[in-house]
Amino acid sequence: MKGKILNYNIENASGVISADNGKRYLFSSSQWKSEEAPTAKQIVNFNIDEDDTPSIYLDKDTSSTSDASTTPESKGGIIDTFLKWFRKA
C-alpha cells in the first residue's frame, strides 16, 4: 500500500501516515525499514499485518525526485525569461 507521512516526531520516534485507502496509521521508528530517516511529506510503501502494524519503506521512485519548481535550473529559467521580457519592453 502507498501513503504519505503527515508527521514524524523525532523526540517520540513516532509518526502518522495517510494511506491511499483513506486511513491513517501510526508508526514508530522500529517499523521504519529504510536507511534514510522518516520526514513529513515522504511517500512510502508499507504492508499491514494482522495487528495493523506497518512495515514501512521509503518509496525511492517518488521521494528521490525533486520538485521542478525548486531546482536551480528552473529558477534560472524563470529569471532568464523575465530578463528577456524586460529587455524587450
PDB file of N, CA and C in Angstrom:
ATOM      1  N   MET A   1       0.847  -1.163   0.000  1.00  0.00           N
ATOM      2  CA  MET A   1       0.000   0.000   0.000  1.00  0.00           C
ATOM      3  C   MET A   1       0.905   1.242   0.000  1.00  0.00           C
ATOM      4  N   LYS A   2       0.424   2.318  -0.596  1.00  0.00           N
ATOM      5  CA  LYS A   2       1.190   3.557  -0.592  1.00  0.00           C
ATOM      6  C   LYS A   2       0.534   4.567   0.337  1.00  0.00           C
ATOM      7  N   GLY A   3       1.360   5.504   0.791  1.00  0.00           N
ATOM      8  CA  GLY A   3       0.861   6.562   1.640  1.00  0.00           C
ATOM      9  C   GLY A   3       1.871   7.680   1.732  1.00  0.00           C
ATOM     10  N   LYS A   4       1.524   8.682   2.517  1.00  0.00           N
ATOM     11  CA  LYS A   4       2.376   9.861   2.695  1.00  0.00           C
ATOM     12  C   LYS A   4       2.515  10.125   4.188  1.00  0.00           C
ATOM     13  N   ILE A   5       3.739  10.385   4.621  1.00  0.00           N
ATOM     14  CA  ILE A   5       3.955  10.703   6.033  1.00  0.00           C
ATOM     15  C   ILE A   5       3.419  12.106   6.286  1.00  0.00           C
ATOM     16  N   LEU A   6       2.471  12.206   7.190  1.00  0.00           N
ATOM     17  CA  LEU A   6       1.909  13.504   7.554  1.00  0.00           C
ATOM     18  C   LEU A   6       2.772  14.209   8.593  1.00  0.00           C
ATOM     19  N   ASN A   7       3.308  13.411   9.512  1.00  0.00           N
ATOM     20  CA  ASN A   7       4.081  13.978  10.609  1.00  0.00           C
ATOM     21  C   ASN A   7       5.021  12.908  11.145  1.00  0.00           C
ATOM     22  N   TYR A   8       6.216  13.340  11.524  1.00  0.00           N
ATOM     23  CA  TYR A   8       7.125  12.448  12.234  1.00  0.00           C
ATOM     24  C   TYR A   8       7.792  13.246  13.336  1.00  0.00           C
ATOM     25  N   ASN A   9       7.686  12.755  14.575  1.00  0.00           N
ATOM     26  CA  ASN A   9       8.249  13.415  15.739  1.00  0.00           C
ATOM     27  C   ASN A   9       9.520  12.678  16.153  1.00  0.00           C
ATOM     28  N   ILE A  10      10.662  13.333  16.009  1.00  0.00           N
ATOM     29  CA  ILE A  10      11.948  12.717  16.332  1.00  0.00           C
ATOM     30  C   ILE A  10      12.039  12.395  17.822  1.00  0.00           C
ATOM     31  N   GLU A  11      11.539  13.293  18.667  1.00  0.00           N
ATOM     32  CA  GLU A  11      11.630  13.092  20.112  1.00  0.00           C
ATOM     33  C   GLU A  11      10.869  11.846  20.566  1.00  0.00           C
ATOM     34  N   ASN A  12       9.697  11.623  19.977  1.00  0.00           N
ATOM     35  CA  ASN A  12       8.887  10.451  20.342  1.00  0.00           C
ATOM     36  C   ASN A  12       9.177   9.248  19.459  1.00  0.00           C
ATOM     37  N   ALA A  13       9.948   9.460  18.392  1.00  0.00           N
ATOM     38  CA  ALA A  13      10.251   8.411  17.407  1.00  0.00           C
ATOM     39  C   ALA A  13       8.980   7.775  16.873  1.00  0.00           C
ATOM     40  N   SER A  14       8.000   8.632  16.543  1.00  0.00           N
ATOM     41  CA  SER A  14       6.732   8.128  16.019  1.00  0.00           C
ATOM     42  C   SER A  14       6.163   9.099  15.000  1.00  0.00           C
ATOM     43  N   GLY A  15       5.263   8.584  14.173  1.00  0.00           N
ATOM     44  CA  GLY A  15       4.670   9.417  13.145  1.00  0.00           C
ATOM     45  C   GLY A  15       3.315   8.912  12.700  1.00  0.00           C
ATOM     46  N   VAL A  16       2.761   9.603  11.681  1.00  0.00           N
ATOM     47  CA  VAL A  16       1.450   9.279  11.142  1.00  0.00           C
ATOM     48  C   VAL A  16       1.547   9.222   9.627  1.00  0.00           C
ATOM     49  N   ILE A  17       0.969   8.175   9.047  1.00  0.00           N
ATOM     50  CA  ILE A  17       0.901   8.021   7.592  1.00  0.00           C
ATOM     51  C   ILE A  17      -0.549   8.140   7.161  1.00  0.00           C
ATOM     52  N   SER A  18      -0.793   8.910   6.105  1.00  0.00           N
ATOM     53  CA  SER A  18      -2.091   8.944   5.460  1.00  0.00           C
ATOM     54  C   SER A  18      -2.003   8.007   4.263  1.00  0.00           C
ATOM     55  N   ALA A  19      -2.771   6.923   4.298  1.00  0.00           N
ATOM     56  CA  ALA A  19      -2.687   5.896   3.261  1.00  0.00           C
ATOM     57  C   ALA A  19      -3.630   6.202   2.101  1.00  0.00           C
ATOM     58  N   ASP A  20      -3.336   5.589   0.973  1.00  0.00           N
ATOM     59  CA  ASP A  20      -4.179   5.744  -0.213  1.00  0.00           C
ATOM     60  C   ASP A  20      -5.596   5.241  -0.005  1.00  0.00           C
ATOM     61  N   ASN A  21      -5.789   4.374   0.973  1.00  0.00           N
ATOM     62  CA  ASN A  21      -7.126   3.838   1.255  1.00  0.00           C
ATOM     63  C   ASN A  21      -7.950   4.777   2.148  1.00  0.00           C
ATOM     64  N   GLY A  22      -7.397   5.946   2.479  1.00  0.00           N
ATOM     65  CA  GLY A  22      -8.114   6.921   3.289  1.00  0.00           C
ATOM     66  C   GLY A  22      -7.899   6.791   4.787  1.00  0.00           C
ATOM     67  N   LYS A  23      -7.239   5.726   5.220  1.00  0.00           N
ATOM     68  CA  LYS A  23      -6.991   5.524   6.646  1.00  0.00           C
ATOM     69  C   LYS A  23      -5.666   6.160   7.043  1.00  0.00           C
ATOM     70  N   ARG A  24      -5.553   6.426   8.333  1.00  0.00           N
ATOM     71  CA  ARG A  24      -4.295   6.913   8.905  1.00  0.00           C
ATOM     72  C   ARG A  24      -3.727   5.843   9.812  1.00  0.00           C
ATOM     73  N   TYR A  25      -2.414   5.707   9.735  1.00  0.00           N
ATOM     74  CA  TYR A  25      -1.727   4.693  10.528  1.00  0.00           C
ATOM     75  C   TYR A  25      -0.618   5.335  11.345  1.00  0.00           C
ATOM     76  N   LEU A  26      -0.581   5.007  12.631  1.00  0.00           N
ATOM     77  CA  LEU A  26       0.510   5.433  13.497  1.00  0.00           C
ATOM     78  C   LEU A  26       1.669   4.474  13.305  1.00  0.00           C
ATOM     79  N   PHE A  27       2.877   4.987  13.384  1.00  0.00           N
ATOM     80  CA  PHE A  27       4.036   4.107  13.301  1.00  0.00           C
ATOM     81  C   PHE A  27       5.137   4.606  14.216  1.00  0.00           C
ATOM     82  N   SER A  28       6.044   3.691  14.545  1.00  0.00           N
ATOM     83  CA  SER A  28       7.208   4.048  15.362  1.00  0.00           C
ATOM     84  C   SER A  28       8.464   3.806  14.539  1.00  0.00           C
ATOM     85  N   SER A  29       9.568   4.330  15.020  1.00  0.00           N
ATOM     86  CA  SER A  29      10.824   4.195  14.274  1.00  0.00           C
ATOM     87  C   SER A  29      11.236   2.733  14.113  1.00  0.00           C
ATOM     88  N   SER A  30      10.785   1.850  15.000  1.00  0.00           N
ATOM     89  CA  SER A  30      11.127   0.433  14.878  1.00  0.00           C
ATOM     90  C   SER A  30      10.475  -0.207  13.649  1.00  0.00           C
ATOM     91  N   GLN A  31       9.432   0.418  13.117  1.00  0.00           N
ATOM     92  CA  GLN A  31       8.751  -0.103  11.938  1.00  0.00           C
ATOM     93  C   GLN A  31       9.329   0.460  10.641  1.00  0.00           C
ATOM     94  N   TRP A  32      10.184   1.453  10.749  1.00  0.00           N
ATOM     95  CA  TRP A  32      10.803   2.091   9.595  1.00  0.00           C
ATOM     96  C   TRP A  32      11.936   1.202   9.090  1.00  0.00           C
ATOM     97  N   LYS A  33      11.898   0.803   7.834  1.00  0.00           N
ATOM     98  CA  LYS A  33      12.846  -0.167   7.298  1.00  0.00           C
ATOM     99  C   LYS A  33      13.852   0.420   6.308  1.00  0.00           C
ATOM    100  N   SER A  34      13.810   1.708   6.037  1.00  0.00           N
ATOM    101  CA  SER A  34      14.728   2.330   5.082  1.00  0.00           C
ATOM    102  C   SER A  34      15.883   3.012   5.799  1.00  0.00           C
ATOM    103  N   GLU A  35      16.970   3.222   5.075  1.00  0.00           N
ATOM    104  CA  GLU A  35      18.155   3.855   5.667  1.00  0.00           C
ATOM    105  C   GLU A  35      17.943   5.338   5.924  1.00  0.00           C
ATOM    106  N   GLU A  36      17.272   6.031   5.025  1.00  0.00           N
ATOM    107  CA  GLU A  36      17.005   7.460   5.180  1.00  0.00           C
ATOM    108  C   GLU A  36      15.961   7.666   6.281  1.00  0.00           C
ATOM    109  N   ALA A  37      16.166   8.660   7.114  1.00  0.00           N
ATOM    110  CA  ALA A  37      15.246   8.917   8.228  1.00  0.00           C
ATOM    111  C   ALA A  37      13.883   9.385   7.722  1.00  0.00           C
ATOM    112  N   PRO A  38      12.814   9.021   8.423  1.00  0.00           N
ATOM    113  CA  PRO A  38      11.480   9.463   8.015  1.00  0.00           C
ATOM    114  C   PRO A  38      11.280  10.947   8.267  1.00  0.00           C
ATOM    115  N   THR A  39      10.608  11.604   7.343  1.00  0.00           N
ATOM    116  CA  THR A  39      10.238  13.013   7.485  1.00  0.00           C
ATOM    117  C   THR A  39       8.859  13.222   6.870  1.00  0.00           C
ATOM    118  N   ALA A  40       8.226  14.305   7.258  1.00  0.00           N
ATOM    119  CA  ALA A  40       6.912  14.638   6.716  1.00  0.00           C
ATOM    120  C   ALA A  40       6.995  14.801   5.201  1.00  0.00           C
ATOM    121  N   LYS A  41       5.932  14.445   4.532  1.00  0.00           N
ATOM    122  CA  LYS A  41       5.739  14.552   3.082  1.00  0.00           C
ATOM    123  C   LYS A  41       6.427  13.467   2.262  1.00  0.00           C
ATOM    124  N   GLN A  42       7.131  12.542   2.905  1.00  0.00           N
ATOM    125  CA  GLN A  42       7.727  11.442   2.145  1.00  0.00           C
ATOM    126  C   GLN A  42       6.630  10.472   1.713  1.00  0.00           C
ATOM    127  N   ILE A  43       6.781   9.946   0.501  1.00  0.00           N
ATOM    128  CA  ILE A  43       5.877   8.913   0.010  1.00  0.00           C
ATOM    129  C   ILE A  43       6.472   7.575   0.419  1.00  0.00           C
ATOM    130  N   VAL A  44       5.627   6.717   0.966  1.00  0.00           N
ATOM    131  CA  VAL A  44       6.102   5.437   1.491  1.00  0.00           C
ATOM    132  C   VAL A  44       5.258   4.282   0.969  1.00  0.00           C
ATOM    133  N   ASN A  45       5.867   3.109   0.969  1.00  0.00           N
ATOM    134  CA  ASN A  45       5.181   1.840   0.732  1.00  0.00           C
ATOM    135  C   ASN A  45       5.170   1.107   2.062  1.00  0.00           C
ATOM    136  N   PHE A  46       4.061   0.458   2.363  1.00  0.00           N
ATOM    137  CA  PHE A  46       4.009  -0.289   3.616  1.00  0.00           C
ATOM    138  C   PHE A  46       3.019  -1.434   3.522  1.00  0.00           C
ATOM    139  N   ASN A  47       3.256  -2.413   4.360  1.00  0.00           N
ATOM    140  CA  ASN A  47       2.380  -3.572   4.481  1.00  0.00           C
ATOM    141  C   ASN A  47       1.782  -3.557   5.874  1.00  0.00           C
ATOM    142  N   ILE A  48       0.542  -3.948   5.964  1.00  0.00           N
ATOM    143  CA  ILE A  48      -0.131  -4.019   7.262  1.00  0.00           C
ATOM    144  C   ILE A  48      -0.307  -5.495   7.628  1.00  0.00           C
ATOM    145  N   ASP A  49       0.137  -5.853   8.828  1.00  0.00           N
ATOM    146  CA  ASP A  49      -0.057  -7.237   9.269  1.00  0.00           C
ATOM    147  C   ASP A  49      -1.370  -7.357  10.047  1.00  0.00           C
ATOM    148  N   GLU A  50      -1.607  -8.482  10.648  1.00  0.00           N
ATOM    149  CA  GLU A  50      -2.866  -8.739  11.360  1.00  0.00           C
ATOM    150  C   GLU A  50      -3.126  -7.750  12.493  1.00  0.00           C
ATOM    151  N   ASP A  51      -2.081  -7.218  13.082  1.00  0.00           N
ATOM    152  CA  ASP A  51      -2.223  -6.295  14.210  1.00  0.00           C
ATOM    153  C   ASP A  51      -2.265  -4.832  13.782  1.00  0.00           C
ATOM    154  N   ASP A  52      -2.453  -4.560  12.480  1.00  0.00           N
ATOM    155  CA  ASP A  52      -2.399  -3.200  11.936  1.00  0.00           C
ATOM    156  C   ASP A  52      -1.054  -2.540  12.199  1.00  0.00           C
ATOM    157  N   THR A  53      -0.001  -3.333  12.222  1.00  0.00           N
ATOM    158  CA  THR A  53       1.339  -2.819  12.441  1.00  0.00           C
ATOM    159  C   THR A  53       2.066  -2.747  11.102  1.00  0.00           C
ATOM    160  N   PRO A  54       2.371  -1.534  10.636  1.00  0.00           N
ATOM    161  CA  PRO A  54       3.012  -1.430   9.323  1.00  0.00           C
ATOM    162  C   PRO A  54       4.519  -1.690   9.349  1.00  0.00           C
ATOM    163  N   SER A  55       5.019  -2.232   8.252  1.00  0.00           N
ATOM    164  CA  SER A  55       6.451  -2.258   7.954  1.00  0.00           C
ATOM    165  C   SER A  55       6.622  -1.245   6.835  1.00  0.00           C
ATOM    166  N   ILE A  56       7.380  -0.184   7.091  1.00  0.00           N
ATOM    167  CA  ILE A  56       7.363   0.985   6.216  1.00  0.00           C
ATOM    168  C   ILE A  56       8.684   1.135   5.471  1.00  0.00           C
ATOM    169  N   TYR A  57       8.555   1.398   4.174  1.00  0.00           N
ATOM    170  CA  TYR A  57       9.715   1.597   3.309  1.00  0.00           C
ATOM    171  C   TYR A  57       9.534   2.888   2.527  1.00  0.00           C
ATOM    172  N   LEU A  58      10.596   3.660   2.410  1.00  0.00           N
ATOM    173  CA  LEU A  58      10.580   4.872   1.609  1.00  0.00           C
ATOM    174  C   LEU A  58      10.390   4.494   0.150  1.00  0.00           C
ATOM    175  N   ASP A  59       9.501   5.172  -0.547  1.00  0.00           N
ATOM    176  CA  ASP A  59       9.285   4.932  -1.972  1.00  0.00           C
ATOM    177  C   ASP A  59      10.328   5.741  -2.737  1.00  0.00           C
ATOM    178  N   LYS A  60      11.412   5.090  -3.117  1.00  0.00           N
ATOM    179  CA  LYS A  60      12.543   5.761  -3.772  1.00  0.00           C
ATOM    180  C   LYS A  60      12.147   6.399  -5.096  1.00  0.00           C
ATOM    181  N   ASP A  61      11.186   5.819  -5.813  1.00  0.00           N
ATOM    182  CA  ASP A  61      10.794   6.353  -7.108  1.00  0.00           C
ATOM    183  C   ASP A  61      10.190   7.744  -6.994  1.00  0.00           C
ATOM    184  N   THR A  62       9.417   7.998  -5.957  1.00  0.00           N
ATOM    185  CA  THR A  62       8.776   9.299  -5.825  1.00  0.00           C
ATOM    186  C   THR A  62       9.501  10.224  -4.868  1.00  0.00           C
ATOM    187  N   SER A  63      10.149   9.688  -3.851  1.00  0.00           N
ATOM    188  CA  SER A  63      10.785  10.530  -2.844  1.00  0.00           C
ATOM    189  C   SER A  63      12.119  11.109  -3.300  1.00  0.00           C
ATOM    190  N   SER A  64      12.778  10.463  -4.254  1.00  0.00           N
ATOM    191  CA  SER A  64      14.083  10.952  -4.678  1.00  0.00           C
ATOM    192  C   SER A  64      13.986  11.996  -5.772  1.00  0.00           C
ATOM    193  N   THR A  65      12.807  12.144  -6.382  1.00  0.00           N
ATOM    194  CA  THR A  65      12.667  13.154  -7.422  1.00  0.00           C
ATOM    195  C   THR A  65      12.339  14.478  -6.777  1.00  0.00           C
ATOM    196  N   SER A  66      13.002  15.507  -7.238  1.00  0.00           N
ATOM    197  CA  SER A  66      12.771  16.826  -6.652  1.00  0.00           C
ATOM    198  C   SER A  66      11.682  17.552  -7.412  1.00  0.00           C
ATOM    199  N   ASP A  67      11.060  18.493  -6.757  1.00  0.00           N
ATOM    200  CA  ASP A  67      10.047  19.334  -7.353  1.00  0.00           C
ATOM    201  C   ASP A  67      10.722  20.250  -8.358  1.00  0.00           C
ATOM    202  N   ALA A  68      10.247  20.257  -9.584  1.00  0.00           N
ATOM    203  CA  ALA A  68      10.906  21.021 -10.649  1.00  0.00           C
ATOM    204  C   ALA A  68      10.929  22.510 -10.344  1.00  0.00           C
ATOM    205  N   SER A  69       9.978  23.010  -9.586  1.00  0.00           N
ATOM    206  CA  SER A  69       9.935  24.440  -9.314  1.00  0.00           C
ATOM    207  C   SER A  69      11.005  24.883  -8.329  1.00  0.00           C
ATOM    208  N   THR A  70      11.680  23.946  -7.671  1.00  0.00           N
ATOM    209  CA  THR A  70      12.687  24.332  -6.692  1.00  0.00           C
ATOM    210  C   THR A  70      14.108  24.030  -7.140  1.00  0.00           C
ATOM    211  N   THR A  71      14.265  23.518  -8.348  1.00  0.00           N
ATOM    212  CA  THR A  71      15.604  23.220  -8.818  1.00  0.00           C
ATOM    213  C   THR A  71      16.286  24.486  -9.299  1.00  0.00           C
ATOM    214  N   PRO A  72      17.608  24.591  -9.171  1.00  0.00           N
ATOM    215  CA  PRO A  72      18.314  25.780  -9.629  1.00  0.00           C
ATOM    216  C   PRO A  72      18.088  26.056 -11.113  1.00  0.00           C
ATOM    217  N   GLU A  73      17.966  24.997 -11.920  1.00  0.00           N
ATOM    218  CA  GLU A  73      17.762  25.195 -13.344  1.00  0.00           C
ATOM    219  C   GLU A  73      16.449  25.910 -13.620  1.00  0.00           C
ATOM    220  N   SER A  74      15.392  25.535 -12.895  1.00  0.00           N
ATOM    221  CA  SER A  74      14.102  26.153 -13.146  1.00  0.00           C
ATOM    222  C   SER A  74      14.093  27.597 -12.673  1.00  0.00           C
ATOM    223  N   LYS A  75      14.793  27.894 -11.593  1.00  0.00           N
ATOM    224  CA  LYS A  75      14.872  29.277 -11.135  1.00  0.00           C
ATOM    225  C   LYS A  75      15.612  30.117 -12.151  1.00  0.00           C
ATOM    226  N   GLY A  76      16.718  29.601 -12.674  1.00  0.00           N
ATOM    227  CA  GLY A  76      17.463  30.314 -13.703  1.00  0.00           C
ATOM    228  C   GLY A  76      16.616  30.533 -14.932  1.00  0.00           C
ATOM    229  N   GLY A  77      15.800  29.562 -15.280  1.00  0.00           N
ATOM    230  CA  GLY A  77      14.918  29.687 -16.429  1.00  0.00           C
ATOM    231  C   GLY A  77      13.917  30.801 -16.241  1.00  0.00           C
ATOM    232  N   ILE A  78      13.361  30.914 -15.060  1.00  0.00           N
ATOM    233  CA  ILE A  78      12.393  31.972 -14.768  1.00  0.00           C
ATOM    234  C   ILE A  78      13.074  33.332 -14.823  1.00  0.00           C
ATOM    235  N   ILE A  79      14.235  33.432 -14.240  1.00  0.00           N
ATOM    236  CA  ILE A  79      14.969  34.702 -14.239  1.00  0.00           C
ATOM    237  C   ILE A  79      15.353  35.087 -15.665  1.00  0.00           C
ATOM    238  N   ASP A  80      15.865  34.119 -16.432  1.00  0.00           N
ATOM    239  CA  ASP A  80      16.219  34.399 -17.821  1.00  0.00           C
ATOM    240  C   ASP A  80      15.012  34.860 -18.616  1.00  0.00           C
ATOM    241  N   THR A  81      13.887  34.226 -18.435  1.00  0.00           N
ATOM    242  CA  THR A  81      12.658  34.612 -19.131  1.00  0.00           C
ATOM    243  C   THR A  81      12.249  36.024 -18.753  1.00  0.00           C
ATOM    244  N   PHE A  82      12.309  36.341 -17.474  1.00  0.00           N
ATOM    245  CA  PHE A  82      11.953  37.680 -17.011  1.00  0.00           C
ATOM    246  C   PHE A  82      12.887  38.728 -17.608  1.00  0.00           C
ATOM    247  N   LEU A  83      14.201  38.453 -17.593  1.00  0.00           N
ATOM    248  CA  LEU A  83      15.163  39.411 -18.148  1.00  0.00           C
ATOM    249  C   LEU A  83      14.947  39.619 -19.640  1.00  0.00           C
ATOM    250  N   LYS A  84      14.667  38.558 -20.372  1.00  0.00           N
ATOM    251  CA  LYS A  84      14.402  38.690 -21.804  1.00  0.00           C
ATOM    252  C   LYS A  84      13.167  39.546 -22.036  1.00  0.00           C
ATOM    253  N   TRP A  85      12.115  39.317 -21.255  1.00  0.00           N
ATOM    254  CA  TRP A  85      10.889  40.101 -21.385  1.00  0.00           C
ATOM    255  C   TRP A  85      11.155  41.559 -21.032  1.00  0.00           C
ATOM    256  N   PHE A  86      11.934  41.795 -19.967  1.00  0.00           N
ATOM    257  CA  PHE A  86      12.212  43.151 -19.509  1.00  0.00           C
ATOM    258  C   PHE A  86      13.028  43.921 -20.556  1.00  0.00           C
ATOM    259  N   ARG A  87      13.985  43.264 -21.187  1.00  0.00           N
ATOM    260  CA  ARG A  87      14.830  43.914 -22.202  1.00  0.00           C
ATOM    261  C   ARG A  87      14.023  44.287 -23.441  1.00  0.00           C
ATOM    262  N   LYS A  88      12.987  43.507 -23.758  1.00  0.00           N
ATOM    263  CA  LYS A  88      12.155  43.810 -24.927  1.00  0.00           C
ATOM    264  C   LYS A  88      11.221  44.971 -24.660  1.00  0.00           C
ATOM    265  N   ALA A  89      10.874  45.206 -23.410  1.00  0.00           N
ATOM    266  CA  ALA A  89       9.909  46.256 -23.059  1.00  0.00           C
ATOM    267  C   ALA A  89      10.504  47.637 -23.141  1.00  0.00           C
TER     268      ALA A  89
END
